[in-house]
Amino acid sequence: MTRTVHCRKYDQELEGLEKPPYPGPKGQDIYNNVSKQAWEEWQAHQTRLINEKHLTMTDPAARKYLMEQMDKFLSGQEYDQAEGYVPE
């Protein structure tokens, strides 16, 4: 049986993740409150941000920026777009 969660981004019951995406409280919060659909959309958006903004993941400021954007994205708040990205 598929696990469901009340997704904070979409404010509805949707399929949940199979396991927490991160260790610790942050990962558990995402696991309990974010749908698989929202998480997959975030991962695609995160990749666009990394590519278009030329972020280096070894840079602590870049990682902090992505975490802030992830929180906004998954909470339904306004978040940064990837400049120059044109959807197919």
PDB file of N, CA and C in Angstrom:
ATOM      1  N   MET A   1       0.842  -1.182   0.000  1.00  0.00           N
ATOM      2  CA  MET A   1       0.000   0.000   0.000  1.00  0.00           C
ATOM      3  C   MET A   1       0.889   1.248   0.000  1.00  0.00           C
ATOM      4  N   THR A   2       0.484   2.224  -0.784  1.00  0.00           N
ATOM      5  CA  THR A   2       1.249   3.456  -0.898  1.00  0.00           C
ATOM      6  C   THR A   2       1.016   4.345   0.316  1.00  0.00           C
ATOM      7  N   ARG A   3       2.091   4.899   0.819  1.00  0.00           N
ATOM      8  CA  ARG A   3       2.029   5.815   1.959  1.00  0.00           C
ATOM      9  C   ARG A   3       1.606   7.194   1.467  1.00  0.00           C
ATOM     10  N   THR A   4       0.697   7.846   2.183  1.00  0.00           N
ATOM     11  CA  THR A   4       0.275   9.187   1.802  1.00  0.00           C
ATOM     12  C   THR A   4       0.604  10.179   2.913  1.00  0.00           C
ATOM     13  N   VAL A   5       0.778  11.432   2.504  1.00  0.00           N
ATOM     14  CA  VAL A   5       1.029  12.526   3.447  1.00  0.00           C
ATOM     15  C   VAL A   5       0.169  13.706   3.033  1.00  0.00           C
ATOM     16  N   HIS A   6      -0.080  14.585   3.984  1.00  0.00           N
ATOM     17  CA  HIS A   6      -0.737  15.842   3.637  1.00  0.00           C
ATOM     18  C   HIS A   6       0.385  16.792   3.220  1.00  0.00           C
ATOM     19  N   CYS A   7       0.511  17.008   1.917  1.00  0.00           N
ATOM     20  CA  CYS A   7       1.621  17.779   1.359  1.00  0.00           C
ATOM     21  C   CYS A   7       1.455  19.263   1.679  1.00  0.00           C
ATOM     22  N   ARG A   8       2.485  19.847   2.293  1.00  0.00           N
ATOM     23  CA  ARG A   8       2.403  21.263   2.653  1.00  0.00           C
ATOM     24  C   ARG A   8       2.437  22.152   1.409  1.00  0.00           C
ATOM     25  N   LYS A   9       3.075  21.720   0.333  1.00  0.00           N
ATOM     26  CA  LYS A   9       3.136  22.538  -0.888  1.00  0.00           C
ATOM     27  C   LYS A   9       1.775  22.569  -1.584  1.00  0.00           C
ATOM     28  N   TYR A  10       1.141  21.430  -1.715  1.00  0.00           N
ATOM     29  CA  TYR A  10      -0.113  21.335  -2.468  1.00  0.00           C
ATOM     30  C   TYR A  10      -1.361  21.300  -1.590  1.00  0.00           C
ATOM     31  N   ASP A  11      -1.190  21.259  -0.279  1.00  0.00           N
ATOM     32  CA  ASP A  11      -2.302  21.258   0.666  1.00  0.00           C
ATOM     33  C   ASP A  11      -3.342  20.187   0.332  1.00  0.00           C
ATOM     34  N   GLN A  12      -2.844  18.982   0.060  1.00  0.00           N
ATOM     35  CA  GLN A  12      -3.739  17.851  -0.187  1.00  0.00           C
ATOM     36  C   GLN A  12      -3.007  16.548   0.097  1.00  0.00           C
ATOM     37  N   GLU A  13      -3.768  15.477   0.232  1.00  0.00           N
ATOM     38  CA  GLU A  13      -3.201  14.157   0.475  1.00  0.00           C
ATOM     39  C   GLU A  13      -2.623  13.627  -0.835  1.00  0.00           C
ATOM     40  N   LEU A  14      -1.321  13.324  -0.798  1.00  0.00           N
ATOM     41  CA  LEU A  14      -0.637  12.788  -1.975  1.00  0.00           C
ATOM     42  C   LEU A  14       0.327  11.693  -1.539  1.00  0.00           C
ATOM     43  N   GLU A  15       0.836  10.951  -2.514  1.00  0.00           N
ATOM     44  CA  GLU A  15       1.802   9.894  -2.224  1.00  0.00           C
ATOM     45  C   GLU A  15       3.032  10.486  -1.555  1.00  0.00           C
ATOM     46  N   GLY A  16       3.497   9.811  -0.507  1.00  0.00           N
ATOM     47  CA  GLY A  16       4.672  10.267   0.232  1.00  0.00           C
ATOM     48  C   GLY A  16       5.957   9.633  -0.261  1.00  0.00           C
ATOM     49  N   LEU A  17       7.055  10.113   0.267  1.00  0.00           N
ATOM     50  CA  LEU A  17       8.374   9.564  -0.052  1.00  0.00           C
ATOM     51  C   LEU A  17       8.533   8.190   0.599  1.00  0.00           C
ATOM     52  N   GLU A  18       9.417   7.376   0.033  1.00  0.00           N
ATOM     53  CA  GLU A  18       9.668   6.049   0.579  1.00  0.00           C
ATOM     54  C   GLU A  18      10.528   6.102   1.833  1.00  0.00           C
ATOM     55  N   LYS A  19      11.405   7.103   1.920  1.00  0.00           N
ATOM     56  CA  LYS A  19      12.276   7.267   3.078  1.00  0.00           C
ATOM     57  C   LYS A  19      12.671   8.736   3.186  1.00  0.00           C
ATOM     58  N   PRO A  20      13.125   9.180   4.346  1.00  0.00           N
ATOM     59  CA  PRO A  20      13.548  10.578   4.485  1.00  0.00           C
ATOM     60  C   PRO A  20      14.717  10.893   3.544  1.00  0.00           C
ATOM     61  N   PRO A  21      14.695  12.057   2.893  1.00  0.00           N
ATOM     62  CA  PRO A  21      15.752  12.389   1.935  1.00  0.00           C
ATOM     63  C   PRO A  21      17.056  12.844   2.595  1.00  0.00           C
ATOM     64  N   TYR A  22      17.008  13.214   3.869  1.00  0.00           N
ATOM     65  CA  TYR A  22      18.173  13.653   4.639  1.00  0.00           C
ATOM     66  C   TYR A  22      18.107  13.001   6.005  1.00  0.00           C
ATOM     67  N   PRO A  23      19.258  12.876   6.655  1.00  0.00           N
ATOM     68  CA  PRO A  23      19.222  12.406   8.039  1.00  0.00           C
ATOM     69  C   PRO A  23      18.758  13.537   8.962  1.00  0.00           C
ATOM     70  N   GLY A  24      18.286  13.183  10.127  1.00  0.00           N
ATOM     71  CA  GLY A  24      17.945  14.182  11.132  1.00  0.00           C
ATOM     72  C   GLY A  24      16.558  14.770  11.001  1.00  0.00           C
ATOM     73  N   PRO A  25      16.288  15.810  11.797  1.00  0.00           N
ATOM     74  CA  PRO A  25      14.956  16.408  11.858  1.00  0.00           C
ATOM     75  C   PRO A  25      14.470  16.987  10.535  1.00  0.00           C
ATOM     76  N   LYS A  26      15.361  17.594   9.754  1.00  0.00           N
ATOM     77  CA  LYS A  26      14.964  18.182   8.469  1.00  0.00           C
ATOM     78  C   LYS A  26      14.440  17.096   7.533  1.00  0.00           C
ATOM     79  N   GLY A  27      15.160  15.998   7.437  1.00  0.00           N
ATOM     80  CA  GLY A  27      14.732  14.891   6.593  1.00  0.00           C
ATOM     81  C   GLY A  27      13.421  14.282   7.060  1.00  0.00           C
ATOM     82  N   GLN A  28      13.256  14.169   8.371  1.00  0.00           N
ATOM     83  CA  GLN A  28      12.020  13.607   8.921  1.00  0.00           C
ATOM     84  C   GLN A  28      10.838  14.536   8.647  1.00  0.00           C
ATOM     85  N   ASP A  29      11.047  15.839   8.745  1.00  0.00           N
ATOM     86  CA  ASP A  29       9.992  16.811   8.452  1.00  0.00           C
ATOM     87  C   ASP A  29       9.554  16.708   6.991  1.00  0.00           C
ATOM     88  N   ILE A  30      10.510  16.620   6.085  1.00  0.00           N
ATOM     89  CA  ILE A  30      10.182  16.473   4.657  1.00  0.00           C
ATOM     90  C   ILE A  30       9.437  15.158   4.438  1.00  0.00           C
ATOM     91  N   TYR A  31       9.916  14.088   5.033  1.00  0.00           N
ATOM     92  CA  TYR A  31       9.293  12.773   4.902  1.00  0.00           C
ATOM     93  C   TYR A  31       7.833  12.794   5.366  1.00  0.00           C
ATOM     94  N   ASN A  32       7.573  13.509   6.463  1.00  0.00           N
ATOM     95  CA  ASN A  32       6.229  13.541   7.041  1.00  0.00           C
ATOM     96  C   ASN A  32       5.286  14.536   6.372  1.00  0.00           C
ATOM     97  N   ASN A  33       5.805  15.559   5.686  1.00  0.00           N
ATOM     98  CA  ASN A  33       4.961  16.665   5.243  1.00  0.00           C
ATOM     99  C   ASN A  33       5.083  17.073   3.780  1.00  0.00           C
ATOM    100  N   VAL A  34       5.883  16.338   3.005  1.00  0.00           N
ATOM    101  CA  VAL A  34       6.091  16.702   1.599  1.00  0.00           C
ATOM    102  C   VAL A  34       5.799  15.486   0.731  1.00  0.00           C
ATOM    103  N   SER A  35       5.056  15.687  -0.334  1.00  0.00           N
ATOM    104  CA  SER A  35       4.718  14.583  -1.231  1.00  0.00           C
ATOM    105  C   SER A  35       5.893  14.217  -2.135  1.00  0.00           C
ATOM    106  N   LYS A  36       5.811  13.027  -2.666  1.00  0.00           N
ATOM    107  CA  LYS A  36       6.805  12.559  -3.629  1.00  0.00           C
ATOM    108  C   LYS A  36       6.829  13.487  -4.834  1.00  0.00           C
ATOM    109  N   GLN A  37       5.660  13.908  -5.291  1.00  0.00           N
ATOM    110  CA  GLN A  37       5.564  14.816  -6.439  1.00  0.00           C
ATOM    111  C   GLN A  37       6.287  16.132  -6.160  1.00  0.00           C
ATOM    112  N   ALA A  38       6.030  16.749  -5.014  1.00  0.00           N
ATOM    113  CA  ALA A  38       6.664  18.018  -4.673  1.00  0.00           C
ATOM    114  C   ALA A  38       8.176  17.846  -4.550  1.00  0.00           C
ATOM    115  N   TRP A  39       8.623  16.732  -3.951  1.00  0.00           N
ATOM    116  CA  TRP A  39      10.052  16.498  -3.785  1.00  0.00           C
ATOM    117  C   TRP A  39      10.736  16.338  -5.148  1.00  0.00           C
ATOM    118  N   GLU A  40      10.120  15.589  -6.057  1.00  0.00           N
ATOM    119  CA  GLU A  40      10.697  15.407  -7.390  1.00  0.00           C
ATOM    120  C   GLU A  40      10.745  16.734  -8.146  1.00  0.00           C
ATOM    121  N   GLU A  41       9.708  17.563  -7.994  1.00  0.00           N
ATOM    122  CA  GLU A  41       9.712  18.878  -8.632  1.00  0.00           C
ATOM    123  C   GLU A  41      10.817  19.748  -8.041  1.00  0.00           C
ATOM    124  N   TRP A  42      11.014  19.664  -6.715  1.00  0.00           N
ATOM    125  CA  TRP A  42      12.098  20.428  -6.101  1.00  0.00           C
ATOM    126  C   TRP A  42      13.454  19.973  -6.640  1.00  0.00           C
ATOM    127  N   GLN A  43      13.675  18.682  -6.759  1.00  0.00           N
ATOM    128  CA  GLN A  43      14.966  18.189  -7.244  1.00  0.00           C
ATOM    129  C   GLN A  43      15.267  18.709  -8.649  1.00  0.00           C
ATOM    130  N   ALA A  44      14.256  18.744  -9.508  1.00  0.00           N
ATOM    131  CA  ALA A  44      14.451  19.278 -10.860  1.00  0.00           C
ATOM    132  C   ALA A  44      14.754  20.777 -10.799  1.00  0.00           C
ATOM    133  N   HIS A  45      14.026  21.504  -9.954  1.00  0.00           N
ATOM    134  CA  HIS A  45      14.252  22.950  -9.831  1.00  0.00           C
ATOM    135  C   HIS A  45      15.634  23.224  -9.231  1.00  0.00           C
ATOM    136  N   GLN A  46      16.023  22.433  -8.247  1.00  0.00           N
ATOM    137  CA  GLN A  46      17.338  22.580  -7.632  1.00  0.00           C
ATOM    138  C   GLN A  46      18.440  22.414  -8.677  1.00  0.00           C
ATOM    139  N   THR A  47      18.296  21.431  -9.546  1.00  0.00           N
ATOM    140  CA  THR A  47      19.282  21.207 -10.604  1.00  0.00           C
ATOM    141  C   THR A  47      19.368  22.420 -11.524  1.00  0.00           C
ATOM    142  N   ARG A  48      18.214  22.990 -11.869  1.00  0.00           N
ATOM    143  CA  ARG A  48      18.219  24.196 -12.718  1.00  0.00           C
ATOM    144  C   ARG A  48      18.923  25.350 -12.008  1.00  0.00           C
ATOM    145  N   LEU A  49      18.639  25.532 -10.714  1.00  0.00           N
ATOM    146  CA  LEU A  49      19.303  26.609  -9.968  1.00  0.00           C
ATOM    147  C   LEU A  49      20.816  26.410  -9.944  1.00  0.00           C
ATOM    148  N   ILE A  50      21.254  25.200  -9.670  1.00  0.00           N
ATOM    149  CA  ILE A  50      22.687  24.910  -9.626  1.00  0.00           C
ATOM    150  C   ILE A  50      23.331  25.218 -10.980  1.00  0.00           C
ATOM    151  N   ASN A  51      22.705  24.767 -12.049  1.00  0.00           N
ATOM    152  CA  ASN A  51      23.273  24.957 -13.383  1.00  0.00           C
ATOM    153  C   ASN A  51      23.240  26.416 -13.832  1.00  0.00           C
ATOM    154  N   GLU A  52      22.095  27.055 -13.716  1.00  0.00           N
ATOM    155  CA  GLU A  52      21.946  28.417 -14.239  1.00  0.00           C
ATOM    156  C   GLU A  52      22.679  29.451 -13.397  1.00  0.00           C
ATOM    157  N   LYS A  53      22.779  29.214 -12.101  1.00  0.00           N
ATOM    158  CA  LYS A  53      23.468  30.166 -11.214  1.00  0.00           C
ATOM    159  C   LYS A  53      24.927  29.766 -10.968  1.00  0.00           C
ATOM    160  N   HIS A  54      25.362  28.675 -11.612  1.00  0.00           N
ATOM    161  CA  HIS A  54      26.741  28.194 -11.507  1.00  0.00           C
ATOM    162  C   HIS A  54      27.162  28.016 -10.039  1.00  0.00           C
ATOM    163  N   LEU A  55      26.305  27.358  -9.283  1.00  0.00           N
ATOM    164  CA  LEU A  55      26.589  27.135  -7.865  1.00  0.00           C
ATOM    165  C   LEU A  55      27.585  25.998  -7.700  1.00  0.00           C
ATOM    166  N   THR A  56      28.462  26.148  -6.746  1.00  0.00           N
ATOM    167  CA  THR A  56      29.440  25.124  -6.398  1.00  0.00           C
ATOM    168  C   THR A  56      29.019  24.523  -5.066  1.00  0.00           C
ATOM    169  N   MET A  57      28.748  23.243  -5.069  1.00  0.00           N
ATOM    170  CA  MET A  57      28.198  22.609  -3.872  1.00  0.00           C
ATOM    171  C   MET A  57      29.217  22.452  -2.744  1.00  0.00           C
ATOM    172  N   THR A  58      30.479  22.724  -3.009  1.00  0.00           N
ATOM    173  CA  THR A  58      31.465  22.727  -1.931  1.00  0.00           C
ATOM    174  C   THR A  58      31.455  24.059  -1.186  1.00  0.00           C
ATOM    175  N   ASP A  59      30.756  25.044  -1.733  1.00  0.00           N
ATOM    176  CA  ASP A  59      30.662  26.371  -1.114  1.00  0.00           C
ATOM    177  C   ASP A  59      29.529  26.365  -0.085  1.00  0.00           C
ATOM    178  N   PRO A  60      29.841  26.597   1.201  1.00  0.00           N
ATOM    179  CA  PRO A  60      28.789  26.606   2.228  1.00  0.00           C
ATOM    180  C   PRO A  60      27.681  27.623   1.943  1.00  0.00           C
ATOM    181  N   ALA A  61      28.003  28.759   1.354  1.00  0.00           N
ATOM    182  CA  ALA A  61      26.987  29.770   1.036  1.00  0.00           C
ATOM    183  C   ALA A  61      26.016  29.248  -0.028  1.00  0.00           C
ATOM    184  N   ALA A  62      26.510  28.492  -0.993  1.00  0.00           N
ATOM    185  CA  ALA A  62      25.651  27.916  -2.034  1.00  0.00           C
ATOM    186  C   ALA A  62      24.719  26.870  -1.430  1.00  0.00           C
ATOM    187  N   ARG A  63      25.248  26.045  -0.525  1.00  0.00           N
ATOM    188  CA  ARG A  63      24.399  25.040   0.132  1.00  0.00           C
ATOM    189  C   ARG A  63      23.333  25.709   0.997  1.00  0.00           C
ATOM    190  N   LYS A  64      23.712  26.767   1.705  1.00  0.00           N
ATOM    191  CA  LYS A  64      22.749  27.495   2.534  1.00  0.00           C
ATOM    192  C   LYS A  64      21.659  28.110   1.661  1.00  0.00           C
ATOM    193  N   TYR A  65      22.053  28.701   0.541  1.00  0.00           N
ATOM    194  CA  TYR A  65      21.098  29.289  -0.401  1.00  0.00           C
ATOM    195  C   TYR A  65      20.103  28.234  -0.886  1.00  0.00           C
ATOM    196  N   LEU A  66      20.593  27.069  -1.280  1.00  0.00           N
ATOM    197  CA  LEU A  66      19.704  26.010  -1.763  1.00  0.00           C
ATOM    198  C   LEU A  66      18.748  25.524  -0.678  1.00  0.00           C
ATOM    199  N   MET A  67      19.222  25.423   0.562  1.00  0.00           N
ATOM    200  CA  MET A  67      18.336  25.006   1.657  1.00  0.00           C
ATOM    201  C   MET A  67      17.227  26.036   1.866  1.00  0.00           C
ATOM    202  N   GLU A  68      17.574  27.321   1.790  1.00  0.00           N
ATOM    203  CA  GLU A  68      16.562  28.379   1.933  1.00  0.00           C
ATOM    204  C   GLU A  68      15.543  28.296   0.796  1.00  0.00           C
ATOM    205  N   GLN A  69      16.034  28.086  -0.422  1.00  0.00           N
ATOM    206  CA  GLN A  69      15.132  27.982  -1.566  1.00  0.00           C
ATOM    207  C   GLN A  69      14.265  26.727  -1.466  1.00  0.00           C
ATOM    208  N   MET A  70      14.827  25.642  -0.970  1.00  0.00           N
ATOM    209  CA  MET A  70      14.065  24.414  -0.794  1.00  0.00           C
ATOM    210  C   MET A  70      12.920  24.640   0.195  1.00  0.00           C
ATOM    211  N   ASP A  71      13.223  25.293   1.312  1.00  0.00           N
ATOM    212  CA  ASP A  71      12.184  25.568   2.303  1.00  0.00           C
ATOM    213  C   ASP A  71      11.059  26.398   1.702  1.00  0.00           C
ATOM    214  N   LYS A  72      11.412  27.414   0.933  1.00  0.00           N
ATOM    215  CA  LYS A  72      10.400  28.261   0.292  1.00  0.00           C
ATOM    216  C   LYS A  72       9.589  27.455  -0.724  1.00  0.00           C
ATOM    217  N   PHE A  73      10.273  26.711  -1.577  1.00  0.00           N
ATOM    218  CA  PHE A  73       9.618  25.922  -2.619  1.00  0.00           C
ATOM    219  C   PHE A  73       8.625  24.927  -2.018  1.00  0.00           C
ATOM    220  N   LEU A  74       9.071  24.189  -1.013  1.00  0.00           N
ATOM    221  CA  LEU A  74       8.233  23.138  -0.437  1.00  0.00           C
ATOM    222  C   LEU A  74       7.121  23.688   0.449  1.00  0.00           C
ATOM    223  N   SER A  75       7.215  24.952   0.835  1.00  0.00           N
ATOM    224  CA  SER A  75       6.174  25.570   1.661  1.00  0.00           C
ATOM    225  C   SER A  75       5.187  26.392   0.847  1.00  0.00           C
ATOM    226  N   GLY A  76       5.391  26.437  -0.465  1.00  0.00           N
ATOM    227  CA  GLY A  76       4.477  27.186  -1.317  1.00  0.00           C
ATOM    228  C   GLY A  76       4.730  28.686  -1.308  1.00  0.00           C
ATOM    229  N   GLN A  77       5.885  29.110  -0.813  1.00  0.00           N
ATOM    230  CA  GLN A  77       6.236  30.528  -0.821  1.00  0.00           C
ATOM    231  C   GLN A  77       6.890  30.885  -2.157  1.00  0.00           C
ATOM    232  N   GLU A  78       7.130  32.181  -2.362  1.00  0.00           N
ATOM    233  CA  GLU A  78       7.851  32.608  -3.557  1.00  0.00           C
ATOM    234  C   GLU A  78       9.300  32.164  -3.437  1.00  0.00           C
ATOM    235  N   TYR A  79       9.853  31.659  -4.525  1.00  0.00           N
ATOM    236  CA  TYR A  79      11.230  31.171  -4.543  1.00  0.00           C
ATOM    237  C   TYR A  79      11.907  31.663  -5.813  1.00  0.00           C
ATOM    238  N   ASP A  80      13.237  31.638  -5.808  1.00  0.00           N
ATOM    239  CA  ASP A  80      14.011  32.106  -6.957  1.00  0.00           C
ATOM    240  C   ASP A  80      13.815  31.184  -8.150  1.00  0.00           C
ATOM    241  N   GLN A  81      13.784  31.802  -9.315  1.00  0.00           N
ATOM    242  CA  GLN A  81      13.719  31.055 -10.566  1.00  0.00           C
ATOM    243  C   GLN A  81      15.118  30.993 -11.166  1.00  0.00           C
ATOM    244  N   ALA A  82      15.329  30.058 -12.057  1.00  0.00           N
ATOM    245  CA  ALA A  82      16.607  29.940 -12.746  1.00  0.00           C
ATOM    246  C   ALA A  82      16.557  30.844 -13.982  1.00  0.00           C
ATOM    247  N   GLU A  83      17.307  31.939 -13.920  1.00  0.00           N
ATOM    248  CA  GLU A  83      17.342  32.853 -15.055  1.00  0.00           C
ATOM    249  C   GLU A  83      17.919  32.111 -16.268  1.00  0.00           C
ATOM    250  N   GLY A  84      17.348  32.347 -17.408  1.00  0.00           N
ATOM    251  CA  GLY A  84      17.854  31.735 -18.630  1.00  0.00           C
ATOM    252  C   GLY A  84      17.256  30.378 -18.920  1.00  0.00           C
ATOM    253  N   TYR A  85      16.510  29.795 -17.987  1.00  0.00           N
ATOM    254  CA  TYR A  85      15.914  28.492 -18.213  1.00  0.00           C
ATOM    255  C   TYR A  85      14.661  28.639 -19.063  1.00  0.00           C
ATOM    256  N   VAL A  86      14.601  27.877 -20.154  1.00  0.00           N
ATOM    257  CA  VAL A  86      13.422  27.889 -21.013  1.00  0.00           C
ATOM    258  C   VAL A  86      12.865  26.468 -21.036  1.00  0.00           C
ATOM    259  N   PRO A  87      11.632  26.285 -20.506  1.00  0.00           N
ATOM    260  CA  PRO A  87      11.053  24.933 -20.500  1.00  0.00           C
ATOM    261  C   PRO A  87      10.885  24.376 -21.911  1.00  0.00           C
ATOM    262  N   GLU A  88      11.042  23.075 -22.026  1.00  0.00           N
ATOM    263  CA  GLU A  88      10.890  22.435 -23.346  1.00  0.00           C
ATOM    264  C   GLU A  88       9.453  22.407 -23.772  1.00  0.00           C
TER     265      GLU A  88
END
